[in-house]
C-alpha atoms as a PDB file:
ATOM      1  CA  MET A   1      28.122 -70.572 203.117  1.00  0.00           C
ATOM      2  CA  THR A   2      31.503 -72.114 203.747  1.00  0.00           C
ATOM      3  CA  VAL A   3      34.214 -72.475 201.131  1.00  0.00           C
ATOM      4  CA  TYR A   4      36.488 -75.538 201.589  1.00  0.00           C
ATOM      5  CA  ALA A   5      39.917 -75.784 199.955  1.00  0.00           C
ATOM      6  CA  LEU A   6      41.744 -78.950 199.108  1.00  0.00           C
ATOM      7  CA  GLU A   7      45.493 -78.856 199.040  1.00  0.00           C
ATOM      8  CA  ASN A   8      45.576 -78.025 195.307  1.00  0.00           C
ATOM      9  CA  SER A   9      43.081 -75.247 194.995  1.00  0.00           C
ATOM     10  CA  ASN A  10      45.896 -72.889 193.872  1.00  0.00           C
ATOM     11  CA  GLY A  11      44.516 -69.774 195.533  1.00  0.00           C
ATOM     12  CA  ILE A  12      41.184 -70.007 193.599  1.00  0.00           C
ATOM     13  CA  ALA A  13      39.412 -71.155 196.678  1.00  0.00           C
ATOM     14  CA  ALA A  14      40.493 -67.990 198.536  1.00  0.00           C
ATOM     15  CA  GLY A  15      39.437 -65.868 195.633  1.00  0.00           C
ATOM     16  CA  ILE A  16      36.019 -67.483 195.533  1.00  0.00           C
ATOM     17  CA  ALA A  17      35.565 -67.027 199.291  1.00  0.00           C
ATOM     18  CA  ARG A  18      36.477 -63.362 198.978  1.00  0.00           C
ATOM     19  CA  GLY A  19      34.126 -63.017 195.944  1.00  0.00           C
ATOM     20  CA  ILE A  20      31.040 -64.360 197.688  1.00  0.00           C
ATOM     21  CA  GLY A  21      31.920 -62.941 201.049  1.00  0.00           C
ATOM     22  CA  ASP A  22      32.174 -66.099 203.013  1.00  0.00           C
ATOM     23  CA  LYS A  23      34.879 -67.815 205.123  1.00  0.00           C
ATOM     24  CA  LEU A  24      37.543 -70.157 203.860  1.00  0.00           C
ATOM     25  CA  VAL A  25      38.381 -73.439 205.516  1.00  0.00           C
ATOM     26  CA  GLN A  26      41.445 -75.541 204.639  1.00  0.00           C
ATOM     27  CA  LEU A  27      40.858 -79.191 204.723  1.00  0.00           C
ATOM     28  CA  GLU A  28      43.347 -81.245 206.717  1.00  0.00           C
ATOM     29  CA  TYR A  29      45.527 -83.424 204.579  1.00  0.00           C
ATOM     30  CA  LYS A  30      48.390 -85.960 204.872  1.00  0.00           C
ATOM     31  CA  ILE A  31      49.888 -89.013 203.227  1.00  0.00           C
ATOM     32  CA  PHE A  32      50.189 -92.346 205.032  1.00  0.00           C
ATOM     33  CA  PRO A  33      53.424 -94.341 204.793  1.00  0.00           C
ATOM     34  CA  ASP A  34      51.937 -96.657 202.177  1.00  0.00           C
ATOM     35  CA  GLY A  35      50.949 -93.686 200.004  1.00  0.00           C
ATOM     36  CA  GLU A  36      47.252 -93.538 200.810  1.00  0.00           C
ATOM     37  CA  SER A  37      45.736 -90.013 201.122  1.00  0.00           C
ATOM     38  CA  TYR A  38      44.000 -88.732 204.210  1.00  0.00           C
ATOM     39  CA  VAL A  39      41.596 -85.767 204.293  1.00  0.00           C
ATOM     40  CA  ARG A  40      39.493 -84.373 207.109  1.00  0.00           C
ATOM     41  CA  VAL A  41      36.879 -81.662 207.239  1.00  0.00           C
ATOM     42  CA  PRO A  42      37.830 -79.667 210.453  1.00  0.00           C
ATOM     43  CA  GLN A  43      34.637 -77.616 210.648  1.00  0.00           C
ATOM     44  CA  LYS A  44      30.996 -78.270 209.820  1.00  0.00           C
ATOM     45  CA  PRO A  45      29.656 -76.107 207.011  1.00  0.00           C
ATOM     46  CA  GLU A  46      27.505 -73.149 207.841  1.00  0.00           C
ATOM     47  CA  GLY A  47      24.863 -73.338 205.224  1.00  0.00           C
ATOM     48  CA  VAL A  48      25.861 -74.248 201.712  1.00  0.00           C
ATOM     49  CA  ALA A  49      29.295 -75.873 201.363  1.00  0.00           C
ATOM     50  CA  ILE A  50      31.499 -75.080 198.433  1.00  0.00           C
ATOM     51  CA  LEU A  51      34.477 -77.402 197.810  1.00  0.00           C
ATOM     52  CA  VAL A  52      37.246 -76.145 195.556  1.00  0.00           C
ATOM     53  CA  ALA A  53      39.561 -78.811 194.131  1.00  0.00           C
ATOM     54  CA  SER A  54      41.718 -78.778 191.019  1.00  0.00           C
ATOM     55  CA  LEU A  55      42.613 -82.218 189.626  1.00  0.00           C
ATOM     56  CA  TYR A  56      46.187 -81.321 188.539  1.00  0.00           C
ATOM     57  CA  PRO A  57      48.875 -82.474 188.993  1.00  0.00           C
ATOM     58  CA  ASN A  58      48.674 -86.227 189.864  1.00  0.00           C
ATOM     59  CA  PRO A  59      45.057 -86.493 188.695  1.00  0.00           C
ATOM     60  CA  ASP A  60      44.425 -90.039 189.967  1.00  0.00           C
ATOM     61  CA  LYS A  61      45.336 -88.960 193.441  1.00  0.00           C
ATOM     62  CA  ARG A  62      43.470 -85.660 193.264  1.00  0.00           C
ATOM     63  CA  ILE A  63      40.292 -87.349 192.056  1.00  0.00           C
ATOM     64  CA  PHE A  64      40.177 -89.749 194.942  1.00  0.00           C
ATOM     65  CA  GLU A  65      40.791 -86.797 197.453  1.00  0.00           C
ATOM     66  CA  LEU A  66      37.891 -84.946 195.853  1.00  0.00           C
ATOM     67  CA  LEU A  67      35.601 -88.008 196.215  1.00  0.00           C
ATOM     68  CA  MET A  68      36.590 -88.587 199.822  1.00  0.00           C
ATOM     69  CA  SER A  69      36.067 -84.863 200.632  1.00  0.00           C
ATOM     70  CA  VAL A  70      32.588 -84.966 199.100  1.00  0.00           C
ATOM     71  CA  GLU A  71      31.671 -88.000 201.172  1.00  0.00           C
ATOM     72  CA  ALA A  72      32.966 -86.400 204.383  1.00  0.00           C
ATOM     73  CA  ILE A  73      31.132 -83.054 203.918  1.00  0.00           C
ATOM     74  CA  LYS A  74      27.847 -84.750 202.989  1.00  0.00           C
ATOM     75  CA  ALA A  75      28.090 -86.728 206.223  1.00  0.00           C
ATOM     76  CA  LEU A  76      28.347 -83.502 208.221  1.00  0.00           C
ATOM     77  CA  SER A  77      25.474 -81.614 206.773  1.00  0.00           C
ATOM     78  CA  ASN A  78      22.204 -81.912 204.819  1.00  0.00           C
ATOM     79  CA  GLU A  79      22.800 -78.511 203.192  1.00  0.00           C
ATOM     80  CA  PRO A  80      23.739 -78.428 199.450  1.00  0.00           C
ATOM     81  CA  LEU A  81      27.316 -79.118 198.511  1.00  0.00           C
ATOM     82  CA  ILE A  82      28.802 -77.612 195.354  1.00  0.00           C
ATOM     83  CA  ALA A  83      32.153 -78.700 193.929  1.00  0.00           C
ATOM     84  CA  VAL A  84      34.189 -76.146 191.937  1.00  0.00           C
ATOM     85  CA  VAL A  85      36.768 -78.011 189.794  1.00  0.00           C
ATOM     86  CA  PRO A  86      38.936 -75.550 187.884  1.00  0.00           C
ATOM     87  CA  TYR A  87      40.789 -78.239 186.009  1.00  0.00           C
ATOM     88  CA  MET A  88      38.750 -81.360 185.340  1.00  0.00           C
ATOM     89  CA  ALA A  89      41.036 -84.357 184.688  1.00  0.00           C
ATOM     90  CA  TYR A  90      40.144 -86.996 182.119  1.00  0.00           C
ATOM     91  CA  ALA A  91      37.770 -84.627 180.297  1.00  0.00           C
ATOM     92  CA  ARG A  92      39.298 -85.484 176.952  1.00  0.00           C
ATOM     93  CA  GLN A  93      38.356 -89.169 177.279  1.00  0.00           C
ATOM     94  CA  ASP A  94      34.708 -88.288 176.649  1.00  0.00           C
ATOM     95  CA  LYS A  95      33.882 -91.218 174.356  1.00  0.00           C
ATOM     96  CA  ARG A  96      35.172 -94.670 173.460  1.00  0.00           C
ATOM     97  CA  PHE A  97      37.765 -93.942 170.799  1.00  0.00           C
ATOM     98  CA  LEU A  98      38.720 -97.647 170.628  1.00  0.00           C
ATOM     99  CA  GLU A  99      36.661-100.652 171.555  1.00  0.00           C
ATOM    100  CA  GLY A 100      37.169-101.657 175.166  1.00  0.00           C
ATOM    101  CA  GLU A 101      38.111 -98.158 176.461  1.00  0.00           C
ATOM    102  CA  PRO A 102      36.351 -96.575 179.443  1.00  0.00           C
ATOM    103  CA  ILE A 103      34.589 -93.207 179.100  1.00  0.00           C
ATOM    104  CA  SER A 104      36.816 -91.764 181.893  1.00  0.00           C
ATOM    105  CA  ILE A 105      34.942 -88.502 182.456  1.00  0.00           C
ATOM    106  CA  ARG A 106      31.689 -90.467 182.885  1.00  0.00           C
ATOM    107  CA  VAL A 107      33.361 -92.444 185.667  1.00  0.00           C
ATOM    108  CA  ILE A 108      34.212 -89.270 187.550  1.00  0.00           C
ATOM    109  CA  LEU A 109      30.886 -87.521 187.100  1.00  0.00           C
ATOM    110  CA  LYS A 110      28.900 -90.641 188.080  1.00  0.00           C
ATOM    111  CA  SER A 111      31.034 -91.199 191.166  1.00  0.00           C
ATOM    112  CA  LEU A 112      30.305 -87.547 192.262  1.00  0.00           C
ATOM    113  CA  GLU A 113      26.632 -88.010 191.646  1.00  0.00           C
ATOM    114  CA  THR A 114      26.577 -91.271 193.598  1.00  0.00           C
ATOM    115  CA  LEU A 115      28.189 -89.565 196.591  1.00  0.00           C
ATOM    116  CA  GLY A 116      25.397 -87.010 196.675  1.00  0.00           C
ATOM    117  CA  LEU A 117      27.079 -83.886 195.151  1.00  0.00           C
ATOM    118  CA  ASP A 118      24.390 -81.253 194.572  1.00  0.00           C
ATOM    119  CA  GLY A 119      26.113 -78.936 192.109  1.00  0.00           C
ATOM    120  CA  LEU A 120      29.206 -78.746 189.971  1.00  0.00           C
ATOM    121  CA  VAL A 121      31.139 -75.815 188.461  1.00  0.00           C
ATOM    122  CA  VAL A 122      33.975 -76.624 186.015  1.00  0.00           C
ATOM    123  CA  VAL A 123      36.153 -74.328 183.935  1.00  0.00           C
ATOM    124  CA  ASP A 124      36.161 -74.643 180.173  1.00  0.00           C
ATOM    125  CA  ILE A 125      35.667 -78.423 180.094  1.00  0.00           C
ATOM    126  CA  HIS A 126      36.781 -80.076 176.849  1.00  0.00           C
ATOM    127  CA  LYS A 127      33.260 -81.100 175.790  1.00  0.00           C
ATOM    128  CA  PRO A 128      30.566 -79.217 177.767  1.00  0.00           C
ATOM    129  CA  SER A 129      27.823 -81.663 176.660  1.00  0.00           C
ATOM    130  CA  VAL A 130      29.269 -84.278 178.976  1.00  0.00           C
ATOM    131  CA  LEU A 131      27.826 -82.464 181.950  1.00  0.00           C
ATOM    132  CA  SER A 132      24.327 -83.276 180.771  1.00  0.00           C
ATOM    133  CA  GLU A 133      25.077 -86.626 179.063  1.00  0.00           C
ATOM    134  CA  TYR A 134      26.783 -88.392 181.972  1.00  0.00           C
ATOM    135  CA  THR A 135      25.298 -86.823 185.063  1.00  0.00           C
ATOM    136  CA  SER A 136      22.093 -85.264 186.349  1.00  0.00           C
ATOM    137  CA  ILE A 137      23.953 -82.973 188.799  1.00  0.00           C
ATOM    138  CA  PRO A 138      23.031 -79.261 188.160  1.00  0.00           C
ATOM    139  CA  SER A 139      26.218 -77.791 186.663  1.00  0.00           C
ATOM    140  CA  ARG A 140      27.867 -74.789 185.129  1.00  0.00           C
ATOM    141  CA  ASN A 141      30.775 -74.600 182.660  1.00  0.00           C
ATOM    142  CA  VAL A 142      32.806 -71.388 183.025  1.00  0.00           C
ATOM    143  CA  PHE A 143      33.646 -70.015 179.616  1.00  0.00           C
ATOM    144  CA  ILE A 144      36.789 -67.828 179.742  1.00  0.00           C
ATOM    145  CA  ASP A 145      36.604 -66.311 176.219  1.00  0.00           C
ATOM    146  CA  ARG A 146      35.804 -62.859 177.577  1.00  0.00           C
ATOM    147  CA  LEU A 147      38.776 -62.975 180.002  1.00  0.00           C
ATOM    148  CA  ILE A 148      41.086 -63.884 177.165  1.00  0.00           C
ATOM    149  CA  ALA A 149      39.770 -61.199 174.925  1.00  0.00           C
ATOM    150  CA  GLU A 150      40.068 -58.544 177.704  1.00  0.00           C
ATOM    151  CA  TYR A 151      43.714 -59.581 178.314  1.00  0.00           C
ATOM    152  CA  PHE A 152      44.754 -59.519 174.639  1.00  0.00           C
ATOM    153  CA  HIS A 153      42.583 -56.564 173.484  1.00  0.00           C
ATOM    154  CA  PRO A 154      45.289 -53.907 173.878  1.00  0.00           C
ATOM    155  CA  LYS A 155      47.725 -55.981 171.838  1.00  0.00           C
ATOM    156  CA  MET A 156      45.427 -56.729 168.910  1.00  0.00           C
ATOM    157  CA  ARG A 157      45.498 -54.803 165.557  1.00  0.00           C
ATOM    158  CA  ASN A 158      43.742 -55.925 162.389  1.00  0.00           C
ATOM    159  CA  SER A 159      43.344 -59.215 164.188  1.00  0.00           C
ATOM    160  CA  VAL A 160      42.180 -62.754 163.459  1.00  0.00           C
ATOM    161  CA  VAL A 161      41.452 -65.474 166.026  1.00  0.00           C
ATOM    162  CA  LEU A 162      42.360 -69.005 165.037  1.00  0.00           C
ATOM    163  CA  ALA A 163      41.391 -72.392 166.415  1.00  0.00           C
ATOM    164  CA  PRO A 164      43.936 -75.270 166.077  1.00  0.00           C
ATOM    165  CA  ASP A 165      41.253 -77.419 164.481  1.00  0.00           C
ATOM    166  CA  VAL A 166      37.567 -77.357 163.478  1.00  0.00           C
ATOM    167  CA  GLY A 167      36.565 -78.922 166.775  1.00  0.00           C
ATOM    168  CA  ALA A 168      37.825 -75.758 168.625  1.00  0.00           C
ATOM    169  CA  LEU A 169      36.208 -73.363 166.183  1.00  0.00           C
ATOM    170  CA  GLU A 170      33.434 -72.431 168.603  1.00  0.00           C
ATOM    171  CA  ARG A 171      35.908 -71.309 171.181  1.00  0.00           C
ATOM    172  CA  ALA A 172      37.672 -69.086 168.624  1.00  0.00           C
ATOM    173  CA  LYS A 173      34.303 -67.689 167.531  1.00  0.00           C
ATOM    174  CA  ARG A 174      33.458 -66.643 171.118  1.00  0.00           C
ATOM    175  CA  VAL A 175      36.847 -64.974 171.666  1.00  0.00           C
ATOM    176  CA  ALA A 176      36.633 -63.211 168.325  1.00  0.00           C
ATOM    177  CA  ALA A 177      33.221 -61.863 169.116  1.00  0.00           C
ATOM    178  CA  HIS A 178      34.599 -60.059 172.204  1.00  0.00           C
ATOM    179  CA  LEU A 179      37.398 -58.656 170.029  1.00  0.00           C
ATOM    180  CA  ASP A 180      35.252 -57.714 167.131  1.00  0.00           C
ATOM    181  CA  ALA A 181      37.616 -59.823 165.011  1.00  0.00           C
ATOM    182  CA  GLU A 182      37.452 -62.419 162.300  1.00  0.00           C
ATOM    183  CA  TYR A 183      37.952 -66.031 163.155  1.00  0.00           C
ATOM    184  CA  ASP A 184      38.947 -69.288 161.383  1.00  0.00           C
ATOM    185  CA  TYR A 185      40.433 -72.701 162.095  1.00  0.00           C
ATOM    186  CA  LEU A 186      43.647 -74.368 161.001  1.00  0.00           C
ATOM    187  CA  VAL A 187      43.880 -77.270 158.592  1.00  0.00           C
ATOM    188  CA  LYS A 188      47.010 -79.456 158.594  1.00  0.00           C
ATOM    189  CA  GLU A 189      48.538 -80.086 155.172  1.00  0.00           C
ATOM    190  CA  ARG A 190      51.472 -82.283 154.265  1.00  0.00           C
ATOM    191  CA  ASP A 191      53.737 -81.321 151.287  1.00  0.00           C
ATOM    192  CA  ARG A 192      53.763 -84.431 148.995  1.00  0.00           C
ATOM    193  CA  VAL A 193      57.304 -83.697 147.925  1.00  0.00           C
ATOM    194  CA  THR A 194      59.137 -82.705 151.140  1.00  0.00           C
ATOM    195  CA  GLY A 195      56.825 -84.319 153.693  1.00  0.00           C
ATOM    196  CA  GLU A 196      56.710 -81.052 155.611  1.00  0.00           C
ATOM    197  CA  VAL A 197      53.513 -80.456 157.641  1.00  0.00           C
ATOM    198  CA  LYS A 198      51.867 -77.027 157.817  1.00  0.00           C
ATOM    199  CA  ALA A 199      48.765 -75.816 159.583  1.00  0.00           C
ATOM    200  CA  MET A 200      46.998 -73.393 157.257  1.00  0.00           C
ATOM    201  CA  PRO A 201      43.981 -71.215 157.961  1.00  0.00           C
ATOM    202  CA  LYS A 202      40.943 -72.669 156.225  1.00  0.00           C
ATOM    203  CA  ASN A 203      39.458 -69.477 154.740  1.00  0.00           C
ATOM    204  CA  LEU A 204      41.182 -66.308 155.938  1.00  0.00           C
ATOM    205  CA  THR A 205      44.421 -64.578 155.039  1.00  0.00           C
ATOM    206  CA  VAL A 206      46.821 -63.612 157.856  1.00  0.00           C
ATOM    207  CA  GLU A 207      49.159 -61.353 155.906  1.00  0.00           C
ATOM    208  CA  GLU A 208      50.012 -58.161 157.966  1.00  0.00           C
ATOM    209  CA  ARG A 209      47.556 -59.230 160.626  1.00  0.00           C
ATOM    210  CA  THR A 210      47.899 -59.951 164.381  1.00  0.00           C
ATOM    211  CA  VAL A 211      46.937 -63.596 165.020  1.00  0.00           C
ATOM    212  CA  LEU A 212      45.652 -64.985 168.322  1.00  0.00           C
ATOM    213  CA  ILE A 213      45.565 -68.819 168.492  1.00  0.00           C
ATOM    214  CA  VAL A 214      43.295 -70.184 171.196  1.00  0.00           C
ATOM    215  CA  ASP A 215      42.801 -73.654 172.645  1.00  0.00           C
ATOM    216  CA  ASP A 216      41.513 -75.270 175.799  1.00  0.00           C
ATOM    217  CA  ILE A 217      44.776 -76.987 176.819  1.00  0.00           C
ATOM    218  CA  ILE A 218      48.374 -76.523 175.803  1.00  0.00           C
ATOM    219  CA  SER A 219      50.346 -79.685 176.655  1.00  0.00           C
ATOM    220  CA  THR A 220      53.390 -80.301 174.440  1.00  0.00           C
ATOM    221  CA  GLY A 221      52.870 -77.015 172.463  1.00  0.00           C
ATOM    222  CA  GLY A 222      53.505 -78.798 169.196  1.00  0.00           C
ATOM    223  CA  THR A 223      50.221 -77.819 167.504  1.00  0.00           C
ATOM    224  CA  MET A 224      50.526 -74.146 168.606  1.00  0.00           C
ATOM    225  CA  ALA A 225      54.130 -73.965 167.473  1.00  0.00           C
ATOM    226  CA  LEU A 226      53.397 -75.447 164.057  1.00  0.00           C
ATOM    227  CA  ALA A 227      50.584 -72.969 163.623  1.00  0.00           C
ATOM    228  CA  ALA A 228      52.692 -70.047 164.623  1.00  0.00           C
ATOM    229  CA  ARG A 229      55.526 -70.928 162.230  1.00  0.00           C
ATOM    230  CA  THR A 230      53.060 -71.342 159.356  1.00  0.00           C
ATOM    231  CA  VAL A 231      51.138 -68.089 159.801  1.00  0.00           C
ATOM    232  CA  LEU A 232      54.320 -66.170 160.287  1.00  0.00           C
ATOM    233  CA  SER A 233      55.606 -67.659 157.043  1.00  0.00           C
ATOM    234  CA  GLN A 234      52.428 -66.313 155.456  1.00  0.00           C
ATOM    235  CA  GLY A 235      53.161 -62.804 156.530  1.00  0.00           C
ATOM    236  CA  ALA A 236      51.408 -62.493 159.883  1.00  0.00           C
ATOM    237  CA  GLU A 237      52.663 -59.423 161.742  1.00  0.00           C
ATOM    238  CA  LYS A 238      52.564 -60.937 165.229  1.00  0.00           C
ATOM    239  CA  VAL A 239      51.282 -64.129 166.843  1.00  0.00           C
ATOM    240  CA  TYR A 240      49.989 -64.691 170.282  1.00  0.00           C
ATOM    241  CA  ALA A 241      48.779 -67.927 171.935  1.00  0.00           C
ATOM    242  CA  ALA A 242      46.195 -68.420 174.623  1.00  0.00           C
ATOM    243  CA  CYS A 243      44.652 -71.388 176.493  1.00  0.00           C
ATOM    244  CA  THR A 244      42.594 -72.105 179.512  1.00  0.00           C
ATOM    245  CA  HIS A 245      44.684 -74.910 181.021  1.00  0.00           C
ATOM    246  CA  ALA A 246      48.482 -74.521 180.687  1.00  0.00           C
ATOM    247  CA  VAL A 247      49.587 -78.108 181.340  1.00  0.00           C
ATOM    248  CA  MET A 248      52.838 -77.262 179.609  1.00  0.00           C
ATOM    249  CA  VAL A 249      55.060 -80.312 179.738  1.00  0.00           C
ATOM    250  CA  ARG A 250      58.800 -79.704 179.995  1.00  0.00           C
ATOM    251  CA  GLY A 251      60.096 -77.779 177.035  1.00  0.00           C
ATOM    252  CA  ALA A 252      56.734 -76.693 175.780  1.00  0.00           C
ATOM    253  CA  LEU A 253      57.223 -72.953 176.526  1.00  0.00           C
ATOM    254  CA  ASP A 254      60.631 -72.924 174.863  1.00  0.00           C
ATOM    255  CA  LEU A 255      59.073 -74.565 171.791  1.00  0.00           C
ATOM    256  CA  LEU A 256      56.329 -71.953 171.670  1.00  0.00           C
ATOM    257  CA  ILE A 257      58.639 -68.978 172.068  1.00  0.00           C
ATOM    258  CA  SER A 258      61.166 -70.321 169.582  1.00  0.00           C
ATOM    259  CA  SER A 259      58.392 -70.773 167.012  1.00  0.00           C
ATOM    260  CA  GLY A 260      57.889 -67.023 166.977  1.00  0.00           C
ATOM    261  CA  ILE A 261      55.004 -66.565 169.350  1.00  0.00           C
ATOM    262  CA  SER A 262      55.330 -63.167 171.031  1.00  0.00           C
ATOM    263  CA  GLU A 263      53.414 -64.079 174.181  1.00  0.00           C
ATOM    264  CA  VAL A 264      51.581 -67.039 175.638  1.00  0.00           C
ATOM    265  CA  ALA A 265      48.894 -66.440 178.252  1.00  0.00           C
ATOM    266  CA  ALA A 266      46.656 -68.856 180.190  1.00  0.00           C
ATOM    267  CA  THR A 267      44.334 -68.808 183.141  1.00  0.00           C
ATOM    268  CA  ASP A 268      45.300 -69.948 186.654  1.00  0.00           C
ATOM    269  CA  THR A 269      43.459 -73.218 186.622  1.00  0.00           C
ATOM    270  CA  VAL A 270      46.864 -74.869 186.352  1.00  0.00           C
ATOM    271  CA  PRO A 271      49.906 -73.091 187.877  1.00  0.00           C
ATOM    272  CA  SER A 272      52.502 -72.246 185.196  1.00  0.00           C
ATOM    273  CA  PRO A 273      54.776 -69.422 184.068  1.00  0.00           C
ATOM    274  CA  VAL A 274      52.054 -68.220 181.639  1.00  0.00           C
ATOM    275  CA  SER A 275      49.110 -68.350 184.024  1.00  0.00           C
ATOM    276  CA  LYS A 276      48.316 -64.625 183.856  1.00  0.00           C
ATOM    277  CA  ILE A 277      44.459 -64.620 183.776  1.00  0.00           C
ATOM    278  CA  SER A 278      42.326 -65.269 186.917  1.00  0.00           C
ATOM    279  CA  VAL A 279      39.235 -67.437 186.481  1.00  0.00           C
ATOM    280  CA  VAL A 280      37.833 -66.272 189.828  1.00  0.00           C
ATOM    281  CA  PRO A 281      35.453 -63.534 188.631  1.00  0.00           C
ATOM    282  CA  ALA A 282      33.896 -65.724 185.920  1.00  0.00           C
ATOM    283  CA  ALA A 283      33.726 -68.748 188.407  1.00  0.00           C
ATOM    284  CA  VAL A 284      32.023 -66.597 191.079  1.00  0.00           C
ATOM    285  CA  GLU A 285      29.457 -65.416 188.503  1.00  0.00           C
ATOM    286  CA  GLU A 286      28.559 -68.959 187.499  1.00  0.00           C
ATOM    287  CA  LEU A 287      28.611 -70.103 191.085  1.00  0.00           C
ATOM    288  CA  ARG A 288      26.028 -67.486 191.968  1.00  0.00           C
ATOM    289  CA  SER A 289      23.853 -68.591 189.055  1.00  0.00           C
ATOM    290  CA  LEU A 290      23.990 -72.164 190.235  1.00  0.00           C
ATOM    291  CA  LEU A 291      23.180 -71.164 193.820  1.00  0.00           C
ATOM    292  CA  GLU A 292      20.084 -69.402 192.574  1.00  0.00           C
ATOM    293  CA  GLU A 293      18.999 -72.677 190.868  1.00  0.00           C
ATOM    294  CA  LEU A 294      19.707 -74.816 193.918  1.00  0.00           C
ATOM    295  CA  LEU A 295      18.254 -72.578 196.710  1.00  0.00           C
END
C-alpha cells in the first residue's frame, strides 16, 4: 500500500502510514498566479492507495484539491483507492433546511463516487447516515468517544456527560458508557422576566458532580460557554468540554475558559491549541476494517 498526503493532512497521514507499516508520499502542490490549485502524484501507488486529506481550512479549495487528487491517482492505477478525510467540510448541510438550498454533503460524496473512489474513511461526521444515503462508496465513520473517555477518565469524579442538545445525545451516551457515567442533554430555557437564556440538563442534577460536555464541533463556543455557566450555577464541581473538530473561531477559547470550563480538549482533525487527542489509532483500526471489505 501507499499512503498519499495532501498539503493539509496535519500529520495524520504520517501517523496512518506508520500505523499500517507502509510508505508515505507527499503530493506535489502549488498555486498558479490566478489562484488555481495544482497537484501532482509523484509516484505510482504500490498496491492499494490511501489518500489523506483534511478539508480545513479553506474548504472550497481543499475539496477541489481532493477531487483532483482522486482523479490523478485513479488514472495511475487500477488498484483500490481509499480517501481518509479527518474533517469533512459541509457535513452539517445534510438536508434542505430551506427551499432552494443544495444538500452540500451530497454534492461532495457524489463527486467522489463519480471519480471512482473505492472507499472512504471519515472522522465523526455530523450525521453518519449520509454515508449510505448519498453514496454507494464503502465507508467507515471513525467514532472518537473511547478516545475522549480515555483522555478525561483520570479527571472524572461522580461524573455526568452532557450533550448540548437532544440531537447530540447519542454521542454523550457513547462517551458516558466508556466512563461508566450517567448522561443527559441540555435544554435551552429563556426567563420570561429577564430574558436570560440558560441551558439546563433535561433530567439529571449536576450538583457536586464533574460535568463533561461533548459535541462534534466547537466553532464560536457560545453553546458550550452557556452550558458551563448554567451547570456551574447549579452547583457543578468542575466542568470540562470536549469535541472532535475544534474549528474555534477567534475568541472562542477565551469565551470557554472565561465561562468557567477547566479544560477543553479536542482531536487533531483540525489543528488548534486544544487538539490533544490523536485520531490516528482509531482511524487505522477502521481503515483496516474497510481494507478487509474491499480486498
